[in-house]
Amino acid sequence: MTDKALSPLRRRLIEDMTIRRLGPGNQHQYIRQVKSFADFVGRSPDKATAEDVRRYQLRLASIGTTVPTLNAGASALRFFFRVTLKRRDLAESAARVDDEHQA
């Protein structure tokens, strides 16, 4: 993928992760998680609402997504919303799953 193929939002996310020294593996996972969320909501993730985040996480839980994957997704979304978009309200709506709440 060339630099020209990157959207400004994705470029900003990558720059934010680089500044904070996230490793290549984490960067790849965060990008993948944010893309999955954007695909789910059907529009740019910078237009998302707290209800979009809730519905996305509900969907992941309902299809049997593992706790580590749910938490990785929540971490990626929290980073994206808090750092890249400066949307703390959305960052707070990305819930982590506690292992003690497992059935």
PDB file of N, CA and C in Angstrom:
ATOM      1  N   MET A   1       0.853  -1.178   0.000  1.00  0.00           N
ATOM      2  CA  MET A   1       0.000   0.000   0.000  1.00  0.00           C
ATOM      3  C   MET A   1       0.892   1.232   0.000  1.00  0.00           C
ATOM      4  N   THR A   2       0.651   2.134  -0.880  1.00  0.00           N
ATOM      5  CA  THR A   2       1.443   3.357  -0.938  1.00  0.00           C
ATOM      6  C   THR A   2       0.896   4.382   0.036  1.00  0.00           C
ATOM      7  N   ASP A   3       1.701   5.394   0.339  1.00  0.00           N
ATOM      8  CA  ASP A   3       1.245   6.449   1.228  1.00  0.00           C
ATOM      9  C   ASP A   3       0.016   7.154   0.684  1.00  0.00           C
ATOM     10  N   LYS A   4      -0.074   7.275  -0.658  1.00  0.00           N
ATOM     11  CA  LYS A   4      -1.214   7.961  -1.255  1.00  0.00           C
ATOM     12  C   LYS A   4      -2.525   7.208  -1.021  1.00  0.00           C
ATOM     13  N   ALA A   5      -2.442   5.894  -0.788  1.00  0.00           N
ATOM     14  CA  ALA A   5      -3.642   5.094  -0.582  1.00  0.00           C
ATOM     15  C   ALA A   5      -4.186   5.237   0.839  1.00  0.00           C
ATOM     16  N   LEU A   6      -3.429   5.833   1.740  1.00  0.00           N
ATOM     17  CA  LEU A   6      -3.865   5.980   3.121  1.00  0.00           C
ATOM     18  C   LEU A   6      -4.793   7.184   3.261  1.00  0.00           C
ATOM     19  N   SER A   7      -5.893   6.960   3.956  1.00  0.00           N
ATOM     20  CA  SER A   7      -6.769   8.098   4.247  1.00  0.00           C
ATOM     21  C   SER A   7      -6.068   8.975   5.289  1.00  0.00           C
ATOM     22  N   PRO A   8      -6.429  10.245   5.340  1.00  0.00           N
ATOM     23  CA  PRO A   8      -5.834  11.120   6.359  1.00  0.00           C
ATOM     24  C   PRO A   8      -6.078  10.604   7.780  1.00  0.00           C
ATOM     25  N   LEU A   9      -7.233  10.008   8.013  1.00  0.00           N
ATOM     26  CA  LEU A   9      -7.557   9.495   9.342  1.00  0.00           C
ATOM     27  C   LEU A   9      -6.668   8.298   9.698  1.00  0.00           C
ATOM     28  N   ARG A  10      -6.479   7.389   8.753  1.00  0.00           N
ATOM     29  CA  ARG A  10      -5.618   6.236   9.014  1.00  0.00           C
ATOM     30  C   ARG A  10      -4.173   6.692   9.196  1.00  0.00           C
ATOM     31  N   ARG A  11      -3.734   7.639   8.386  1.00  0.00           N
ATOM     32  CA  ARG A  11      -2.372   8.169   8.526  1.00  0.00           C
ATOM     33  C   ARG A  11      -2.185   8.771   9.921  1.00  0.00           C
ATOM     34  N   ARG A  12      -3.195   9.502  10.377  1.00  0.00           N
ATOM     35  CA  ARG A  12      -3.124  10.124  11.709  1.00  0.00           C
ATOM     36  C   ARG A  12      -3.056   9.049  12.796  1.00  0.00           C
ATOM     37  N   LEU A  13      -3.850   7.999  12.674  1.00  0.00           N
ATOM     38  CA  LEU A  13      -3.815   6.893  13.632  1.00  0.00           C
ATOM     39  C   LEU A  13      -2.419   6.282  13.665  1.00  0.00           C
ATOM     40  N   ILE A  14      -1.849   6.014  12.499  1.00  0.00           N
ATOM     41  CA  ILE A  14      -0.509   5.420  12.427  1.00  0.00           C
ATOM     42  C   ILE A  14       0.525   6.353  13.063  1.00  0.00           C
ATOM     43  N   GLU A  15       0.429   7.640  12.777  1.00  0.00           N
ATOM     44  CA  GLU A  15       1.361   8.601  13.374  1.00  0.00           C
ATOM     45  C   GLU A  15       1.221   8.617  14.895  1.00  0.00           C
ATOM     46  N   ASP A  16      -0.019   8.603  15.392  1.00  0.00           N
ATOM     47  CA  ASP A  16      -0.247   8.596  16.838  1.00  0.00           C
ATOM     48  C   ASP A  16       0.330   7.344  17.481  1.00  0.00           C
ATOM     49  N   MET A  17       0.179   6.204  16.833  1.00  0.00           N
ATOM     50  CA  MET A  17       0.738   4.965  17.370  1.00  0.00           C
ATOM     51  C   MET A  17       2.262   4.994  17.334  1.00  0.00           C
ATOM     52  N   THR A  18       2.824   5.572  16.284  1.00  0.00           N
ATOM     53  CA  THR A  18       4.273   5.669  16.160  1.00  0.00           C
ATOM     54  C   THR A  18       4.843   6.572  17.243  1.00  0.00           C
ATOM     55  N   ILE A  19       4.213   7.713  17.483  1.00  0.00           N
ATOM     56  CA  ILE A  19       4.652   8.636  18.526  1.00  0.00           C
ATOM     57  C   ILE A  19       4.691   7.933  19.880  1.00  0.00           C
ATOM     58  N   ARG A  20       3.707   7.072  20.111  1.00  0.00           N
ATOM     59  CA  ARG A  20       3.599   6.373  21.399  1.00  0.00           C
ATOM     60  C   ARG A  20       4.338   5.041  21.403  1.00  0.00           C
ATOM     61  N   ARG A  21       5.090   4.807  20.339  1.00  0.00           N
ATOM     62  CA  ARG A  21       5.971   3.640  20.208  1.00  0.00           C
ATOM     63  C   ARG A  21       5.252   2.293  20.316  1.00  0.00           C
ATOM     64  N   LEU A  22       4.060   2.223  19.781  1.00  0.00           N
ATOM     65  CA  LEU A  22       3.392   0.930  19.682  1.00  0.00           C
ATOM     66  C   LEU A  22       4.135   0.120  18.635  1.00  0.00           C
ATOM     67  N   GLY A  23       4.352  -1.127  18.907  1.00  0.00           N
ATOM     68  CA  GLY A  23       5.077  -1.992  17.990  1.00  0.00           C
ATOM     69  C   GLY A  23       4.280  -2.292  16.733  1.00  0.00           C
ATOM     70  N   PRO A  24       4.961  -2.826  15.718  1.00  0.00           N
ATOM     71  CA  PRO A  24       4.290  -3.126  14.450  1.00  0.00           C
ATOM     72  C   PRO A  24       3.101  -4.072  14.607  1.00  0.00           C
ATOM     73  N   GLY A  25       3.220  -5.061  15.468  1.00  0.00           N
ATOM     74  CA  GLY A  25       2.118  -5.995  15.687  1.00  0.00           C
ATOM     75  C   GLY A  25       0.899  -5.305  16.266  1.00  0.00           C
ATOM     76  N   ASN A  26       1.120  -4.481  17.273  1.00  0.00           N
ATOM     77  CA  ASN A  26       0.006  -3.725  17.868  1.00  0.00           C
ATOM     78  C   ASN A  26      -0.595  -2.765  16.856  1.00  0.00           C
ATOM     79  N   GLN A  27       0.258  -2.104  16.084  1.00  0.00           N
ATOM     80  CA  GLN A  27      -0.258  -1.177  15.085  1.00  0.00           C
ATOM     81  C   GLN A  27      -1.148  -1.909  14.082  1.00  0.00           C
ATOM     82  N   HIS A  28      -0.688  -3.052  13.633  1.00  0.00           N
ATOM     83  CA  HIS A  28      -1.481  -3.833  12.673  1.00  0.00           C
ATOM     84  C   HIS A  28      -2.831  -4.210  13.279  1.00  0.00           C
ATOM     85  N   GLN A  29      -2.822  -4.677  14.518  1.00  0.00           N
ATOM     86  CA  GLN A  29      -4.068  -5.082  15.180  1.00  0.00           C
ATOM     87  C   GLN A  29      -5.005  -3.891  15.386  1.00  0.00           C
ATOM     88  N   TYR A  30      -4.474  -2.757  15.794  1.00  0.00           N
ATOM     89  CA  TYR A  30      -5.309  -1.576  16.009  1.00  0.00           C
ATOM     90  C   TYR A  30      -5.951  -1.134  14.699  1.00  0.00           C
ATOM     91  N   ILE A  31      -5.161  -1.106  13.635  1.00  0.00           N
ATOM     92  CA  ILE A  31      -5.702  -0.712  12.332  1.00  0.00           C
ATOM     93  C   ILE A  31      -6.798  -1.681  11.914  1.00  0.00           C
ATOM     94  N   ARG A  32      -6.548  -2.963  12.095  1.00  0.00           N
ATOM     95  CA  ARG A  32      -7.541  -3.982  11.733  1.00  0.00           C
ATOM     96  C   ARG A  32      -8.832  -3.821  12.539  1.00  0.00           C
ATOM     97  N   GLN A  33      -8.690  -3.566  13.823  1.00  0.00           N
ATOM     98  CA  GLN A  33      -9.865  -3.409  14.689  1.00  0.00           C
ATOM     99  C   GLN A  33     -10.670  -2.158  14.313  1.00  0.00           C
ATOM    100  N   VAL A  34      -9.984  -1.061  14.047  1.00  0.00           N
ATOM    101  CA  VAL A  34     -10.686   0.173  13.672  1.00  0.00           C
ATOM    102  C   VAL A  34     -11.373  -0.006  12.320  1.00  0.00           C
ATOM    103  N   LYS A  35     -10.712  -0.694  11.403  1.00  0.00           N
ATOM    104  CA  LYS A  35     -11.329  -0.958  10.094  1.00  0.00           C
ATOM    105  C   LYS A  35     -12.572  -1.830  10.247  1.00  0.00           C
ATOM    106  N   SER A  36     -12.489  -2.842  11.086  1.00  0.00           N
ATOM    107  CA  SER A  36     -13.640  -3.709  11.332  1.00  0.00           C
ATOM    108  C   SER A  36     -14.812  -2.906  11.897  1.00  0.00           C
ATOM    109  N   PHE A  37     -14.512  -2.012  12.812  1.00  0.00           N
ATOM    110  CA  PHE A  37     -15.556  -1.151  13.376  1.00  0.00           C
ATOM    111  C   PHE A  37     -16.160  -0.263  12.295  1.00  0.00           C
ATOM    112  N   ALA A  38     -15.306   0.346  11.477  1.00  0.00           N
ATOM    113  CA  ALA A  38     -15.791   1.219  10.401  1.00  0.00           C
ATOM    114  C   ALA A  38     -16.659   0.444   9.418  1.00  0.00           C
ATOM    115  N   ASP A  39     -16.244  -0.772   9.093  1.00  0.00           N
ATOM    116  CA  ASP A  39     -17.046  -1.608   8.203  1.00  0.00           C
ATOM    117  C   ASP A  39     -18.411  -1.894   8.820  1.00  0.00           C
ATOM    118  N   PHE A  40     -18.422  -2.144  10.130  1.00  0.00           N
ATOM    119  CA  PHE A  40     -19.676  -2.436  10.820  1.00  0.00           C
ATOM    120  C   PHE A  40     -20.626  -1.244  10.776  1.00  0.00           C
ATOM    121  N   VAL A  41     -20.112  -0.044  11.064  1.00  0.00           N
ATOM    122  CA  VAL A  41     -21.005   1.123  11.101  1.00  0.00           C
ATOM    123  C   VAL A  41     -21.325   1.648   9.707  1.00  0.00           C
ATOM    124  N   GLY A  42     -20.528   1.261   8.726  1.00  0.00           N
ATOM    125  CA  GLY A  42     -20.828   1.626   7.348  1.00  0.00           C
ATOM    126  C   GLY A  42     -20.508   3.062   6.970  1.00  0.00           C
ATOM    127  N   ARG A  43     -19.652   3.688   7.752  1.00  0.00           N
ATOM    128  CA  ARG A  43     -19.218   5.048   7.448  1.00  0.00           C
ATOM    129  C   ARG A  43     -17.885   5.288   8.152  1.00  0.00           C
ATOM    130  N   SER A  44     -17.324   6.455   7.924  1.00  0.00           N
ATOM    131  CA  SER A  44     -16.052   6.778   8.559  1.00  0.00           C
ATOM    132  C   SER A  44     -16.196   6.695  10.080  1.00  0.00           C
ATOM    133  N   PRO A  45     -15.237   6.080  10.764  1.00  0.00           N
ATOM    134  CA  PRO A  45     -15.357   5.929  12.219  1.00  0.00           C
ATOM    135  C   PRO A  45     -15.312   7.255  12.976  1.00  0.00           C
ATOM    136  N   ASP A  46     -14.879   8.331  12.327  1.00  0.00           N
ATOM    137  CA  ASP A  46     -14.892   9.619  13.022  1.00  0.00           C
ATOM    138  C   ASP A  46     -16.310  10.191  13.122  1.00  0.00           C
ATOM    139  N   LYS A  47     -17.267   9.534  12.478  1.00  0.00           N
ATOM    140  CA  LYS A  47     -18.676   9.939  12.564  1.00  0.00           C
ATOM    141  C   LYS A  47     -19.471   9.037  13.505  1.00  0.00           C
ATOM    142  N   ALA A  48     -18.775   8.157  14.222  1.00  0.00           N
ATOM    143  CA  ALA A  48     -19.434   7.174  15.081  1.00  0.00           C
ATOM    144  C   ALA A  48     -20.073   7.827  16.305  1.00  0.00           C
ATOM    145  N   THR A  49     -21.018   7.089  16.856  1.00  0.00           N
ATOM    146  CA  THR A  49     -21.690   7.498  18.096  1.00  0.00           C
ATOM    147  C   THR A  49     -21.433   6.438  19.164  1.00  0.00           C
ATOM    148  N   ALA A  50     -21.750   6.784  20.393  1.00  0.00           N
ATOM    149  CA  ALA A  50     -21.624   5.818  21.485  1.00  0.00           C
ATOM    150  C   ALA A  50     -22.524   4.610  21.219  1.00  0.00           C
ATOM    151  N   GLU A  51     -23.672   4.828  20.631  1.00  0.00           N
ATOM    152  CA  GLU A  51     -24.571   3.716  20.309  1.00  0.00           C
ATOM    153  C   GLU A  51     -23.945   2.800  19.262  1.00  0.00           C
ATOM    154  N   ASP A  52     -23.206   3.356  18.305  1.00  0.00           N
ATOM    155  CA  ASP A  52     -22.492   2.526  17.324  1.00  0.00           C
ATOM    156  C   ASP A  52     -21.490   1.620  18.022  1.00  0.00           C
ATOM    157  N   VAL A  53     -20.753   2.167  18.966  1.00  0.00           N
ATOM    158  CA  VAL A  53     -19.752   1.379  19.708  1.00  0.00           C
ATOM    159  C   VAL A  53     -20.454   0.270  20.472  1.00  0.00           C
ATOM    160  N   ARG A  54     -21.529   0.598  21.136  1.00  0.00           N
ATOM    161  CA  ARG A  54     -22.290  -0.394  21.908  1.00  0.00           C
ATOM    162  C   ARG A  54     -22.812  -1.515  21.018  1.00  0.00           C
ATOM    163  N   ARG A  55     -23.407  -1.141  19.875  1.00  0.00           N
ATOM    164  CA  ARG A  55     -23.942  -2.154  18.955  1.00  0.00           C
ATOM    165  C   ARG A  55     -22.827  -3.039  18.400  1.00  0.00           C
ATOM    166  N   TYR A  56     -21.682  -2.448  18.104  1.00  0.00           N
ATOM    167  CA  TYR A  56     -20.542  -3.206  17.587  1.00  0.00           C
ATOM    168  C   TYR A  56     -20.061  -4.222  18.622  1.00  0.00           C
ATOM    169  N   GLN A  57     -19.901  -3.781  19.847  1.00  0.00           N
ATOM    170  CA  GLN A  57     -19.429  -4.699  20.879  1.00  0.00           C
ATOM    171  C   GLN A  57     -20.471  -5.772  21.193  1.00  0.00           C
ATOM    172  N   LEU A  58     -21.729  -5.412  21.145  1.00  0.00           N
ATOM    173  CA  LEU A  58     -22.797  -6.399  21.332  1.00  0.00           C
ATOM    174  C   LEU A  58     -22.745  -7.447  20.230  1.00  0.00           C
ATOM    175  N   ARG A  59     -22.537  -7.004  19.010  1.00  0.00           N
ATOM    176  CA  ARG A  59     -22.434  -7.927  17.872  1.00  0.00           C
ATOM    177  C   ARG A  59     -21.262  -8.885  18.060  1.00  0.00           C
ATOM    178  N   LEU A  60     -20.106  -8.361  18.438  1.00  0.00           N
ATOM    179  CA  LEU A  60     -18.941  -9.224  18.649  1.00  0.00           C
ATOM    180  C   LEU A  60     -19.206 -10.254  19.745  1.00  0.00           C
ATOM    181  N   ALA A  61     -19.817  -9.820  20.836  1.00  0.00           N
ATOM    182  CA  ALA A  61     -20.118 -10.745  21.934  1.00  0.00           C
ATOM    183  C   ALA A  61     -21.130 -11.797  21.497  1.00  0.00           C
ATOM    184  N   SER A  62     -22.108 -11.388  20.706  1.00  0.00           N
ATOM    185  CA  SER A  62     -23.169 -12.315  20.311  1.00  0.00           C
ATOM    186  C   SER A  62     -22.696 -13.390  19.341  1.00  0.00           C
ATOM    187  N   ILE A  63     -21.607 -13.148  18.632  1.00  0.00           N
ATOM    188  CA  ILE A  63     -21.096 -14.170  17.702  1.00  0.00           C
ATOM    189  C   ILE A  63     -19.991 -15.006  18.332  1.00  0.00           C
ATOM    190  N   GLY A  64     -19.777 -14.826  19.642  1.00  0.00           N
ATOM    191  CA  GLY A  64     -18.836 -15.670  20.360  1.00  0.00           C
ATOM    192  C   GLY A  64     -17.380 -15.243  20.296  1.00  0.00           C
ATOM    193  N   THR A  65     -17.143 -13.981  20.057  1.00  0.00           N
ATOM    194  CA  THR A  65     -15.778 -13.469  20.038  1.00  0.00           C
ATOM    195  C   THR A  65     -15.135 -13.712  21.397  1.00  0.00           C
ATOM    196  N   THR A  66     -13.894 -14.152  21.409  1.00  0.00           N
ATOM    197  CA  THR A  66     -13.216 -14.470  22.665  1.00  0.00           C
ATOM    198  C   THR A  66     -12.955 -13.212  23.489  1.00  0.00           C
ATOM    199  N   VAL A  67     -12.801 -13.406  24.797  1.00  0.00           N
ATOM    200  CA  VAL A  67     -12.534 -12.282  25.692  1.00  0.00           C
ATOM    201  C   VAL A  67     -11.255 -11.539  25.287  1.00  0.00           C
ATOM    202  N   PRO A  68     -10.148 -12.236  25.006  1.00  0.00           N
ATOM    203  CA  PRO A  68      -8.951 -11.491  24.595  1.00  0.00           C
ATOM    204  C   PRO A  68      -9.172 -10.656  23.328  1.00  0.00           C
ATOM    205  N   THR A  69      -9.940 -11.187  22.383  1.00  0.00           N
ATOM    206  CA  THR A  69     -10.209 -10.441  21.155  1.00  0.00           C
ATOM    207  C   THR A  69     -11.121  -9.257  21.431  1.00  0.00           C
ATOM    208  N   LEU A  70     -12.131  -9.438  22.282  1.00  0.00           N
ATOM    209  CA  LEU A  70     -12.999  -8.328  22.671  1.00  0.00           C
ATOM    210  C   LEU A  70     -12.188  -7.215  23.335  1.00  0.00           C
ATOM    211  N   ASN A  71     -11.281  -7.608  24.233  1.00  0.00           N
ATOM    212  CA  ASN A  71     -10.483  -6.614  24.941  1.00  0.00           C
ATOM    213  C   ASN A  71      -9.467  -5.934  24.023  1.00  0.00           C
ATOM    214  N   ALA A  72      -8.913  -6.679  23.080  1.00  0.00           N
ATOM    215  CA  ALA A  72      -7.996  -6.071  22.108  1.00  0.00           C
ATOM    216  C   ALA A  72      -8.746  -5.034  21.271  1.00  0.00           C
ATOM    217  N   GLY A  73      -9.959  -5.367  20.878  1.00  0.00           N
ATOM    218  CA  GLY A  73     -10.773  -4.428  20.114  1.00  0.00           C
ATOM    219  C   GLY A  73     -11.118  -3.193  20.920  1.00  0.00           C
ATOM    220  N   ALA A  74     -11.463  -3.398  22.184  1.00  0.00           N
ATOM    221  CA  ALA A  74     -11.788  -2.262  23.052  1.00  0.00           C
ATOM    222  C   ALA A  74     -10.571  -1.355  23.225  1.00  0.00           C
ATOM    223  N   SER A  75      -9.396  -1.948  23.392  1.00  0.00           N
ATOM    224  CA  SER A  75      -8.168  -1.153  23.530  1.00  0.00           C
ATOM    225  C   SER A  75      -7.897  -0.342  22.272  1.00  0.00           C
ATOM    226  N   ALA A  76      -8.059  -0.981  21.124  1.00  0.00           N
ATOM    227  CA  ALA A  76      -7.824  -0.290  19.853  1.00  0.00           C
ATOM    228  C   ALA A  76      -8.809   0.866  19.680  1.00  0.00           C
ATOM    229  N   LEU A  77     -10.068   0.618  19.952  1.00  0.00           N
ATOM    230  CA  LEU A  77     -11.072   1.679  19.803  1.00  0.00           C
ATOM    231  C   LEU A  77     -10.851   2.800  20.808  1.00  0.00           C
ATOM    232  N   ARG A  78     -10.508   2.434  22.048  1.00  0.00           N
ATOM    233  CA  ARG A  78     -10.246   3.475  23.040  1.00  0.00           C
ATOM    234  C   ARG A  78      -9.076   4.348  22.616  1.00  0.00           C
ATOM    235  N   PHE A  79      -8.008   3.733  22.107  1.00  0.00           N
ATOM    236  CA  PHE A  79      -6.862   4.511  21.631  1.00  0.00           C
ATOM    237  C   PHE A  79      -7.288   5.420  20.487  1.00  0.00           C
ATOM    238  N   PHE A  80      -7.965   4.855  19.521  1.00  0.00           N
ATOM    239  CA  PHE A  80      -8.394   5.613  18.351  1.00  0.00           C
ATOM    240  C   PHE A  80      -9.269   6.801  18.739  1.00  0.00           C
ATOM    241  N   PHE A  81     -10.270   6.551  19.590  1.00  0.00           N
ATOM    242  CA  PHE A  81     -11.171   7.627  19.975  1.00  0.00           C
ATOM    243  C   PHE A  81     -10.494   8.653  20.883  1.00  0.00           C
ATOM    244  N   ARG A  82      -9.731   8.186  21.860  1.00  0.00           N
ATOM    245  CA  ARG A  82      -9.126   9.093  22.836  1.00  0.00           C
ATOM    246  C   ARG A  82      -7.963   9.886  22.244  1.00  0.00           C
ATOM    247  N   VAL A  83      -7.058   9.195  21.545  1.00  0.00           N
ATOM    248  CA  VAL A  83      -5.836   9.839  21.078  1.00  0.00           C
ATOM    249  C   VAL A  83      -6.014  10.470  19.700  1.00  0.00           C
ATOM    250  N   THR A  84      -6.484   9.693  18.741  1.00  0.00           N
ATOM    251  CA  THR A  84      -6.551  10.182  17.364  1.00  0.00           C
ATOM    252  C   THR A  84      -7.701  11.162  17.164  1.00  0.00           C
ATOM    253  N   LEU A  85      -8.875  10.841  17.682  1.00  0.00           N
ATOM    254  CA  LEU A  85     -10.034  11.708  17.465  1.00  0.00           C
ATOM    255  C   LEU A  85     -10.295  12.707  18.593  1.00  0.00           C
ATOM    256  N   LYS A  86      -9.623  12.518  19.730  1.00  0.00           N
ATOM    257  CA  LYS A  86      -9.864  13.386  20.901  1.00  0.00           C
ATOM    258  C   LYS A  86     -11.333  13.328  21.321  1.00  0.00           C
ATOM    259  N   ARG A  87     -11.893  12.118  21.280  1.00  0.00           N
ATOM    260  CA  ARG A  87     -13.294  11.889  21.658  1.00  0.00           C
ATOM    261  C   ARG A  87     -13.351  10.986  22.884  1.00  0.00           C
ATOM    262  N   ARG A  88     -13.076  11.551  24.032  1.00  0.00           N
ATOM    263  CA  ARG A  88     -13.062  10.761  25.270  1.00  0.00           C
ATOM    264  C   ARG A  88     -14.426  10.118  25.551  1.00  0.00           C
ATOM    265  N   ASP A  89     -15.497  10.773  25.128  1.00  0.00           N
ATOM    266  CA  ASP A  89     -16.832  10.216  25.350  1.00  0.00           C
ATOM    267  C   ASP A  89     -16.957   8.853  24.669  1.00  0.00           C
ATOM    268  N   LEU A  90     -16.448   8.731  23.450  1.00  0.00           N
ATOM    269  CA  LEU A  90     -16.515   7.447  22.757  1.00  0.00           C
ATOM    270  C   LEU A  90     -15.507   6.458  23.325  1.00  0.00           C
ATOM    271  N   ALA A  91     -14.351   6.942  23.727  1.00  0.00           N
ATOM    272  CA  ALA A  91     -13.341   6.055  24.317  1.00  0.00           C
ATOM    273  C   ALA A  91     -13.911   5.365  25.551  1.00  0.00           C
ATOM    274  N   GLU A  92     -14.650   6.103  26.344  1.00  0.00           N
ATOM    275  CA  GLU A  92     -15.232   5.535  27.562  1.00  0.00           C
ATOM    276  C   GLU A  92     -16.330   4.530  27.262  1.00  0.00           C
ATOM    277  N   SER A  93     -16.927   4.608  26.100  1.00  0.00           N
ATOM    278  CA  SER A  93     -18.014   3.674  25.775  1.00  0.00           C
ATOM    279  C   SER A  93     -17.492   2.338  25.244  1.00  0.00           C
ATOM    280  N   ALA A  94     -16.214   2.233  24.959  1.00  0.00           N
ATOM    281  CA  ALA A  94     -15.621   0.964  24.503  1.00  0.00           C
ATOM    282  C   ALA A  94     -15.281   0.130  25.740  1.00  0.00           C
ATOM    283  N   ALA A  95     -16.133  -0.826  26.034  1.00  0.00           N
ATOM    284  CA  ALA A  95     -16.037  -1.596  27.277  1.00  0.00           C
ATOM    285  C   ALA A  95     -15.066  -2.762  27.174  1.00  0.00           C
ATOM    286  N   ARG A  96     -14.305  -2.949  28.249  1.00  0.00           N
ATOM    287  CA  ARG A  96     -13.461  -4.137  28.382  1.00  0.00           C
ATOM    288  C   ARG A  96     -14.254  -5.195  29.144  1.00  0.00           C
ATOM    289  N   VAL A  97     -13.877  -6.447  28.914  1.00  0.00           N
ATOM    290  CA  VAL A  97     -14.535  -7.566  29.599  1.00  0.00           C
ATOM    291  C   VAL A  97     -13.612  -8.059  30.696  1.00  0.00           C
ATOM    292  N   ASP A  98     -14.128  -8.124  31.913  1.00  0.00           N
ATOM    293  CA  ASP A  98     -13.357  -8.676  33.024  1.00  0.00           C
ATOM    294  C   ASP A  98     -13.490 -10.183  33.009  1.00  0.00           C
ATOM    295  N   ASP A  99     -12.393 -10.878  33.213  1.00  0.00           N
ATOM    296  CA  ASP A  99     -12.425 -12.338  33.237  1.00  0.00           C
ATOM    297  C   ASP A  99     -13.325 -12.866  34.352  1.00  0.00           C
ATOM    298  N   GLU A 100     -13.465 -12.139  35.434  1.00  0.00           N
ATOM    299  CA  GLU A 100     -14.304 -12.607  36.533  1.00  0.00           C
ATOM    300  C   GLU A 100     -15.779 -12.591  36.188  1.00  0.00           C
ATOM    301  N   HIS A 101     -16.149 -11.898  35.118  1.00  0.00           N
ATOM    302  CA  HIS A 101     -17.547 -11.872  34.687  1.00  0.00           C
ATOM    303  C   HIS A 101     -17.871 -12.989  33.718  1.00  0.00           C
ATOM    304  N   GLN A 102     -16.918 -13.852  33.474  1.00  0.00           N
ATOM    305  CA  GLN A 102     -17.143 -14.983  32.583  1.00  0.00           C
ATOM    306  C   GLN A 102     -18.059 -15.995  33.245  1.00  0.00           C
ATOM    307  N   ALA A 103     -18.913 -16.604  32.461  1.00  0.00           N
ATOM    308  CA  ALA A 103     -19.820 -17.633  33.005  1.00  0.00           C
ATOM    309  C   ALA A 103     -19.104 -18.965  33.079  1.00  0.00           C
TER     310      ALA A 103
END
